[in-house]
Amino acid sequence: MSKNVLLARPHPFIVAEMKPFLEDNGYTISKLEAMTNLPAMAVQAGGAVISLALSSPLPESAAVVFQQLRQVAPGVPVLFASMLAFDQALPGMQRLAAQSGVQAEIYGVDTEASASRLGRPQAFLYFSKEDLATPARRVVATRMLKRHFNQ
């Protein structure tokens, strides 16, 4: 599996917090600047990060980015991220999965014990800003990240 992670829907939080976290864990980062580049970049990625924030430098929504990613690289594991706590982000991820026709299994740092299917296309991993800012949560996030992106 490639150690390249695609920031498929970057957001300032993703770039400022997630990028160093990924690099600290041995991943190289590619940042999507335009949706027209998605097909070429996605097939080289071992994982993708999609911001759930309302705004992003890319005008497309998280759902559109996810759906297009699935069309060109259906097996790439996806990590979703935002400023929200897991329980606040969960309904939005459930809607995104339903709109995309995916029977998703959604995991966050607090669900590590039940996260047996990380790395599979139907597994959605979610990290909040707090998950990366709190040392104990960051340790758990690191373990989950490596399982999800098959390192």
Protein backbone atom coordinates (compact mmCIF):
# COMPACT_ATOMS: atom_id res chain seq x y z
CA MET A 1 0.00 0.00 0.00
CA SER A 2 1.28 3.46 -0.89
CA LYS A 3 2.43 5.70 1.93
CA ASN A 4 1.10 8.71 0.04
CA VAL A 5 -1.99 10.33 1.54
CA LEU A 6 -4.15 12.60 -0.55
CA LEU A 7 -5.62 15.67 1.14
CA ALA A 8 -8.68 15.33 -1.08
CA ARG A 9 -10.63 18.21 0.45
CA PRO A 10 -8.15 20.39 2.25
CA HIS A 11 -9.14 22.93 4.85
CA PRO A 12 -6.85 25.14 6.99
CA PHE A 13 -7.30 22.73 9.94
CA ILE A 14 -6.39 19.78 7.75
CA VAL A 15 -3.29 21.47 6.43
CA ALA A 16 -2.20 22.93 9.79
CA GLU A 17 -2.94 19.95 12.06
CA MET A 18 -3.44 16.82 9.98
CA LYS A 19 -0.53 17.25 7.58
CA PRO A 20 2.16 17.27 10.32
CA PHE A 21 0.40 14.37 12.08
CA LEU A 22 0.49 12.32 8.88
CA GLU A 23 4.10 13.25 8.15
CA ASP A 24 5.12 12.35 11.72
CA ASN A 25 3.67 8.89 11.02
CA GLY A 26 5.73 8.37 7.87
CA TYR A 27 3.26 9.43 5.19
CA THR A 28 3.95 11.72 2.27
CA ILE A 29 1.25 14.23 1.45
CA SER A 30 -0.36 15.28 -1.81
CA LYS A 31 -2.80 18.16 -1.73
CA LEU A 32 -5.64 18.28 -4.24
CA GLU A 33 -5.79 21.75 -5.79
CA ALA A 34 -8.52 21.08 -8.39
CA MET A 35 -11.04 18.28 -8.89
CA THR A 36 -9.73 17.68 -12.40
CA ASN A 37 -6.55 16.31 -10.77
CA LEU A 38 -8.42 13.81 -8.59
CA PRO A 39 -8.26 10.77 -10.92
CA ALA A 40 -4.48 10.88 -11.35
CA MET A 41 -3.77 11.67 -7.70
CA ALA A 42 -6.26 9.19 -6.19
CA VAL A 43 -4.83 6.11 -7.90
CA GLN A 44 -1.43 6.84 -6.34
CA ALA A 45 -2.83 7.31 -2.83
CA GLY A 46 -2.79 4.82 0.00
CA GLY A 47 -5.41 6.90 1.79
CA ALA A 48 -7.38 10.11 1.51
CA VAL A 49 -8.39 12.80 3.99
CA ILE A 50 -11.64 14.70 3.43
CA SER A 51 -12.54 17.72 5.51
CA LEU A 52 -16.18 17.88 6.60
CA ALA A 53 -15.94 21.64 7.12
CA LEU A 54 -18.57 23.74 5.38
CA SER A 55 -15.91 25.60 3.44
CA SER A 56 -12.76 24.51 1.69
CA PRO A 57 -10.45 25.92 -0.97
CA LEU A 58 -12.18 23.41 -3.25
CA PRO A 59 -15.75 24.51 -3.97
CA GLU A 60 -17.10 20.95 -3.97
CA SER A 61 -18.79 19.55 -0.87
CA ALA A 62 -17.35 16.67 1.13
CA ALA A 63 -20.04 14.40 -0.34
CA VAL A 64 -19.13 15.31 -3.92
CA VAL A 65 -15.41 14.82 -3.26
CA PHE A 66 -16.08 11.45 -1.61
CA GLN A 67 -18.36 10.27 -4.44
CA GLN A 68 -15.85 11.26 -7.11
CA LEU A 69 -13.03 9.63 -5.14
CA ARG A 70 -15.04 6.40 -4.96
CA GLN A 71 -15.60 6.50 -8.73
CA VAL A 72 -11.90 6.74 -9.58
CA ALA A 73 -10.36 4.84 -6.65
CA PRO A 74 -13.03 2.74 -4.90
CA GLY A 75 -10.61 0.93 -2.60
CA VAL A 76 -8.80 3.94 -1.13
CA PRO A 77 -9.49 4.17 2.62
CA VAL A 78 -10.88 7.52 3.72
CA LEU A 79 -10.30 9.53 6.85
CA PHE A 80 -12.77 12.33 7.55
CA ALA A 81 -11.85 15.25 9.76
CA SER A 82 -13.31 18.42 11.19
CA MET A 83 -13.36 20.59 14.28
CA LEU A 84 -16.45 18.81 15.66
CA ALA A 85 -16.48 16.08 18.27
CA PHE A 86 -17.21 12.59 16.91
CA ASP A 87 -20.82 12.51 18.15
CA GLN A 88 -21.52 15.86 16.47
CA ALA A 89 -19.95 14.78 13.16
CA LEU A 90 -21.55 11.33 13.11
CA PRO A 91 -24.97 12.34 11.67
CA GLY A 92 -23.29 14.17 8.78
CA MET A 93 -21.10 11.17 7.97
CA GLN A 94 -24.13 8.88 8.12
CA ARG A 95 -25.94 11.16 5.63
CA LEU A 96 -22.88 11.26 3.38
CA ALA A 97 -22.66 7.46 3.41
CA ALA A 98 -26.38 7.09 2.66
CA GLN A 99 -26.21 9.61 -0.21
CA SER A 100 -23.24 7.72 -1.63
CA GLY A 101 -24.87 4.31 -1.29
CA VAL A 102 -22.25 3.07 1.18
CA GLN A 103 -23.15 0.95 4.20
CA ALA A 104 -20.48 2.65 6.25
CA GLU A 105 -18.97 1.56 9.51
CA ILE A 106 -17.94 4.81 11.18
CA TYR A 107 -15.13 4.87 13.72
CA GLY A 108 -13.57 7.54 15.90
CA VAL A 109 -10.91 7.54 18.59
CA ASP A 110 -13.47 6.53 21.24
CA THR A 111 -14.52 3.48 19.20
CA GLU A 112 -11.06 1.97 18.75
CA ALA A 113 -12.02 -1.25 20.56
CA SER A 114 -14.73 -2.02 17.98
CA ALA A 115 -12.81 -0.78 14.93
CA SER A 116 -12.03 -4.20 13.49
CA ARG A 117 -12.73 -3.27 9.87
CA LEU A 118 -10.38 -0.30 9.46
CA GLY A 119 -8.69 -0.16 6.07
CA ARG A 120 -11.72 -1.39 4.16
CA PRO A 121 -13.60 0.89 1.76
CA GLN A 122 -16.79 0.85 3.87
CA ALA A 123 -14.88 1.91 7.00
CA PHE A 124 -15.00 5.64 7.66
CA LEU A 125 -12.42 6.86 10.17
CA TYR A 126 -13.00 10.24 11.79
CA PHE A 127 -10.64 12.52 13.70
CA SER A 128 -11.50 15.82 15.31
CA LYS A 129 -9.03 18.58 16.03
CA GLU A 130 -9.17 17.55 19.70
CA ASP A 131 -8.11 14.00 18.78
CA LEU A 132 -4.83 15.37 17.45
CA ALA A 133 -4.34 18.02 20.16
CA THR A 134 -4.69 15.77 23.22
CA PRO A 135 -1.61 13.53 23.72
CA ALA A 136 -3.52 10.43 24.88
CA ARG A 137 -6.05 10.73 22.05
CA ARG A 138 -3.25 11.32 19.55
CA VAL A 139 -1.66 7.98 20.53
CA VAL A 140 -4.93 6.18 19.83
CA ALA A 141 -5.41 8.15 16.60
CA THR A 142 -1.94 7.07 15.48
CA ARG A 143 -2.74 3.39 16.01
CA MET A 144 -6.03 3.71 14.17
CA LEU A 145 -4.47 5.70 11.33
CA LYS A 146 -1.85 3.03 10.71
CA ARG A 147 -4.46 0.28 10.70
CA HIS A 148 -6.72 2.25 8.38
CA PHE A 149 -4.02 3.20 5.90
CA ASN A 150 -2.46 -0.28 6.23
CA GLN A 151 1.01 0.72 7.32
